[in-house]
Amino acid sequence: MNEYYVAVFDSTHYALKFEKSVKDWGFNISIMPVPREITASCGISAKLEADEIENIMALAVKNDLKVSGYYHVEVQNGRKVYHKST
C-alpha cells in the first residue's frame, strides 16, 4: 500500500466508537498508535484505506462521530509523508 489515511481522535472513547462503526459499515480499519509525526490526540489512531476514505468520512459526519482530523499518508522512497486533510 503506497497510500492510506490516518484518523486521529481527542479521546479513546471516540476512537473505539469510530472503529466499531467503521467495521459495522463493512470497511477495513486498523487501530494503531498515533504516528509521532502527528501531534495531538489521545494516542490512538485508525488506519484507513485510501479508496474508502470519502465514504468513511461522509458516514462519520452523518453519524456524528467525533474525529479530530484525518491525515493522508503517502510512502515516497521508503519514507512516509503526512498531509493534513480538510
N, C-alpha and C. Protein backbone atom coordinates (compact mmCIF):
# COMPACT_ATOMS: atom_id res chain seq x y z
N MET A 1 0.85 -1.18 0.00
CA MET A 1 0.00 0.00 0.00
C MET A 1 0.90 1.24 0.00
N ASN A 2 0.79 2.08 -1.03
CA ASN A 2 1.61 3.28 -1.12
C ASN A 2 0.94 4.50 -0.54
N GLU A 3 -0.33 4.39 -0.23
CA GLU A 3 -1.02 5.49 0.42
C GLU A 3 -2.16 4.95 1.27
N TYR A 4 -2.47 5.70 2.33
CA TYR A 4 -3.58 5.37 3.21
C TYR A 4 -3.92 6.61 4.01
N TYR A 5 -4.91 6.54 4.86
CA TYR A 5 -5.30 7.66 5.72
C TYR A 5 -5.20 7.24 7.17
N VAL A 6 -4.97 8.23 8.02
CA VAL A 6 -4.96 8.04 9.46
C VAL A 6 -5.96 9.02 10.06
N ALA A 7 -6.88 8.51 10.85
CA ALA A 7 -7.83 9.34 11.58
C ALA A 7 -7.35 9.44 13.02
N VAL A 8 -7.40 10.65 13.59
CA VAL A 8 -6.98 10.86 14.97
C VAL A 8 -8.17 11.39 15.78
N PHE A 9 -8.10 11.19 17.09
CA PHE A 9 -9.24 11.44 17.96
C PHE A 9 -8.80 12.17 19.23
N ASP A 10 -9.77 12.84 19.87
CA ASP A 10 -9.49 13.54 21.12
C ASP A 10 -9.61 12.65 22.34
N SER A 11 -10.21 11.48 22.17
CA SER A 11 -10.32 10.56 23.31
C SER A 11 -10.34 9.12 22.83
N THR A 12 -9.97 8.23 23.71
CA THR A 12 -10.00 6.80 23.40
C THR A 12 -11.43 6.36 23.12
N HIS A 13 -12.38 6.91 23.86
CA HIS A 13 -13.79 6.57 23.64
C HIS A 13 -14.20 6.86 22.19
N TYR A 14 -13.85 8.04 21.68
CA TYR A 14 -14.20 8.39 20.30
C TYR A 14 -13.53 7.44 19.30
N ALA A 15 -12.28 7.07 19.58
CA ALA A 15 -11.55 6.17 18.68
C ALA A 15 -12.22 4.80 18.63
N LEU A 16 -12.60 4.27 19.76
CA LEU A 16 -13.22 2.94 19.81
C LEU A 16 -14.62 2.94 19.19
N LYS A 17 -15.37 4.03 19.40
CA LYS A 17 -16.69 4.15 18.78
C LYS A 17 -16.55 4.23 17.26
N PHE A 18 -15.55 5.00 16.78
CA PHE A 18 -15.28 5.11 15.34
C PHE A 18 -14.92 3.74 14.77
N GLU A 19 -14.03 3.02 15.45
CA GLU A 19 -13.61 1.70 14.98
C GLU A 19 -14.81 0.77 14.82
N LYS A 20 -15.66 0.70 15.84
CA LYS A 20 -16.82 -0.19 15.79
C LYS A 20 -17.74 0.20 14.63
N SER A 21 -18.00 1.48 14.47
CA SER A 21 -18.90 1.94 13.40
C SER A 21 -18.33 1.61 12.03
N VAL A 22 -17.05 1.88 11.81
CA VAL A 22 -16.43 1.62 10.51
C VAL A 22 -16.47 0.13 10.18
N LYS A 23 -16.19 -0.70 11.17
CA LYS A 23 -16.28 -2.16 10.96
C LYS A 23 -17.71 -2.57 10.65
N ASP A 24 -18.68 -2.01 11.40
CA ASP A 24 -20.08 -2.34 11.17
C ASP A 24 -20.52 -1.95 9.76
N TRP A 25 -19.95 -0.88 9.20
CA TRP A 25 -20.28 -0.43 7.85
C TRP A 25 -19.59 -1.30 6.79
N GLY A 26 -18.71 -2.20 7.20
CA GLY A 26 -18.07 -3.11 6.26
C GLY A 26 -16.75 -2.63 5.68
N PHE A 27 -16.17 -1.57 6.26
CA PHE A 27 -14.90 -1.05 5.77
C PHE A 27 -13.74 -1.64 6.56
N ASN A 28 -12.56 -1.60 5.97
CA ASN A 28 -11.34 -2.06 6.64
C ASN A 28 -10.80 -0.96 7.53
N ILE A 29 -10.35 -1.33 8.72
CA ILE A 29 -9.79 -0.37 9.67
C ILE A 29 -8.80 -1.10 10.56
N SER A 30 -7.73 -0.42 10.91
CA SER A 30 -6.77 -0.95 11.87
C SER A 30 -6.50 0.13 12.91
N ILE A 31 -6.61 -0.23 14.17
CA ILE A 31 -6.28 0.70 15.25
C ILE A 31 -4.79 0.60 15.50
N MET A 32 -4.15 1.76 15.68
CA MET A 32 -2.70 1.80 15.89
C MET A 32 -2.34 3.03 16.71
N PRO A 33 -1.13 3.07 17.26
CA PRO A 33 -0.69 4.29 17.95
C PRO A 33 -0.60 5.44 16.94
N VAL A 34 -0.81 6.65 17.42
CA VAL A 34 -0.68 7.82 16.55
C VAL A 34 0.78 7.93 16.12
N PRO A 35 1.04 8.06 14.83
CA PRO A 35 2.43 8.23 14.37
C PRO A 35 3.06 9.47 15.01
N ARG A 36 4.33 9.40 15.34
CA ARG A 36 4.97 10.51 16.04
C ARG A 36 5.03 11.79 15.21
N GLU A 37 4.87 11.66 13.89
CA GLU A 37 4.86 12.84 13.02
C GLU A 37 3.57 13.66 13.19
N ILE A 38 2.57 13.05 13.78
CA ILE A 38 1.29 13.73 14.01
C ILE A 38 1.20 14.06 15.49
N THR A 39 1.04 15.33 15.80
CA THR A 39 0.90 15.73 17.20
C THR A 39 -0.57 15.80 17.56
N ALA A 40 -0.84 15.78 18.83
CA ALA A 40 -2.20 15.88 19.38
C ALA A 40 -2.85 14.52 19.49
N SER A 41 -4.08 14.52 19.87
CA SER A 41 -4.97 13.37 20.01
C SER A 41 -4.69 12.56 21.27
N CYS A 42 -5.44 11.47 21.39
CA CYS A 42 -5.40 10.65 22.60
C CYS A 42 -4.33 9.57 22.56
N GLY A 43 -3.63 9.43 21.46
CA GLY A 43 -2.62 8.40 21.35
C GLY A 43 -3.03 7.22 20.50
N ILE A 44 -4.34 7.13 20.20
CA ILE A 44 -4.85 6.05 19.35
C ILE A 44 -5.31 6.65 18.03
N SER A 45 -4.96 6.00 16.94
CA SER A 45 -5.42 6.44 15.63
C SER A 45 -5.97 5.25 14.87
N ALA A 46 -6.62 5.53 13.75
CA ALA A 46 -7.18 4.49 12.90
C ALA A 46 -6.57 4.59 11.51
N LYS A 47 -6.10 3.48 11.00
CA LYS A 47 -5.55 3.42 9.65
C LYS A 47 -6.66 2.97 8.71
N LEU A 48 -6.87 3.77 7.63
CA LEU A 48 -7.97 3.54 6.71
C LEU A 48 -7.46 3.46 5.28
N GLU A 49 -8.13 2.68 4.45
CA GLU A 49 -7.71 2.55 3.07
C GLU A 49 -8.10 3.79 2.27
N ALA A 50 -7.20 4.23 1.39
CA ALA A 50 -7.40 5.46 0.63
C ALA A 50 -8.66 5.41 -0.24
N ASP A 51 -8.95 4.26 -0.83
CA ASP A 51 -10.11 4.19 -1.73
C ASP A 51 -11.45 4.15 -0.98
N GLU A 52 -11.42 4.07 0.34
CA GLU A 52 -12.65 4.04 1.15
C GLU A 52 -12.86 5.34 1.93
N ILE A 53 -11.87 6.24 1.92
CA ILE A 53 -11.89 7.38 2.84
C ILE A 53 -13.08 8.31 2.65
N GLU A 54 -13.46 8.61 1.41
CA GLU A 54 -14.57 9.55 1.20
C GLU A 54 -15.86 9.01 1.79
N ASN A 55 -16.13 7.73 1.59
CA ASN A 55 -17.35 7.13 2.16
C ASN A 55 -17.28 7.10 3.68
N ILE A 56 -16.13 6.77 4.22
CA ILE A 56 -15.98 6.72 5.68
C ILE A 56 -16.17 8.11 6.28
N MET A 57 -15.55 9.12 5.67
CA MET A 57 -15.69 10.49 6.19
C MET A 57 -17.14 10.95 6.14
N ALA A 58 -17.84 10.66 5.06
CA ALA A 58 -19.25 11.05 4.94
C ALA A 58 -20.11 10.35 5.99
N LEU A 59 -19.89 9.06 6.18
CA LEU A 59 -20.65 8.33 7.20
C LEU A 59 -20.32 8.80 8.61
N ALA A 60 -19.07 9.17 8.86
CA ALA A 60 -18.68 9.67 10.17
C ALA A 60 -19.41 10.98 10.49
N VAL A 61 -19.52 11.85 9.49
CA VAL A 61 -20.24 13.11 9.68
C VAL A 61 -21.73 12.84 9.90
N LYS A 62 -22.29 11.99 9.05
CA LYS A 62 -23.72 11.67 9.13
C LYS A 62 -24.08 11.06 10.48
N ASN A 63 -23.17 10.28 11.04
CA ASN A 63 -23.43 9.59 12.31
C ASN A 63 -22.83 10.31 13.52
N ASP A 64 -22.38 11.54 13.31
CA ASP A 64 -21.86 12.40 14.38
C ASP A 64 -20.72 11.76 15.16
N LEU A 65 -19.82 11.08 14.45
CA LEU A 65 -18.63 10.53 15.10
C LEU A 65 -17.60 11.64 15.25
N LYS A 66 -16.95 11.70 16.39
CA LYS A 66 -16.01 12.77 16.70
C LYS A 66 -14.59 12.40 16.26
N VAL A 67 -14.17 12.96 15.13
CA VAL A 67 -12.82 12.75 14.61
C VAL A 67 -12.12 14.10 14.64
N SER A 68 -10.94 14.17 15.28
CA SER A 68 -10.27 15.46 15.36
C SER A 68 -9.51 15.80 14.08
N GLY A 69 -9.21 14.79 13.24
CA GLY A 69 -8.57 15.07 11.97
C GLY A 69 -8.23 13.82 11.20
N TYR A 70 -8.03 14.02 9.90
CA TYR A 70 -7.60 12.94 9.01
C TYR A 70 -6.28 13.36 8.37
N TYR A 71 -5.40 12.41 8.18
CA TYR A 71 -4.11 12.65 7.52
C TYR A 71 -3.95 11.68 6.36
N HIS A 72 -3.59 12.23 5.21
CA HIS A 72 -3.29 11.41 4.04
C HIS A 72 -1.81 11.04 4.14
N VAL A 73 -1.51 9.77 4.07
CA VAL A 73 -0.13 9.30 4.21
C VAL A 73 0.30 8.69 2.88
N GLU A 74 1.41 9.19 2.36
CA GLU A 74 2.00 8.65 1.13
C GLU A 74 3.38 8.11 1.46
N VAL A 75 3.68 6.95 0.92
CA VAL A 75 5.01 6.37 1.09
C VAL A 75 5.81 6.72 -0.16
N GLN A 76 6.86 7.53 0.04
CA GLN A 76 7.70 8.00 -1.06
C GLN A 76 9.14 7.63 -0.77
N ASN A 77 9.72 6.82 -1.61
CA ASN A 77 11.12 6.37 -1.43
C ASN A 77 11.35 5.78 -0.04
N GLY A 78 10.38 5.00 0.42
CA GLY A 78 10.51 4.34 1.71
C GLY A 78 10.21 5.22 2.91
N ARG A 79 9.87 6.48 2.68
CA ARG A 79 9.54 7.40 3.78
C ARG A 79 8.07 7.76 3.74
N LYS A 80 7.47 7.94 4.89
CA LYS A 80 6.06 8.32 4.97
C LYS A 80 5.95 9.84 5.01
N VAL A 81 5.09 10.38 4.17
CA VAL A 81 4.83 11.81 4.13
C VAL A 81 3.38 12.02 4.54
N TYR A 82 3.16 12.88 5.54
CA TYR A 82 1.83 13.10 6.10
C TYR A 82 1.27 14.45 5.63
N HIS A 83 0.01 14.43 5.17
CA HIS A 83 -0.67 15.65 4.73
C HIS A 83 -1.99 15.73 5.47
N LYS A 84 -2.21 16.83 6.19
CA LYS A 84 -3.47 17.03 6.90
C LYS A 84 -4.58 17.22 5.88
N SER A 85 -5.68 16.50 6.03
CA SER A 85 -6.83 16.63 5.14
C SER A 85 -7.80 17.62 5.75
N THR A 86 -8.57 18.27 4.89
CA THR A 86 -9.55 19.23 5.40
C THR A 86 -10.95 18.72 5.21
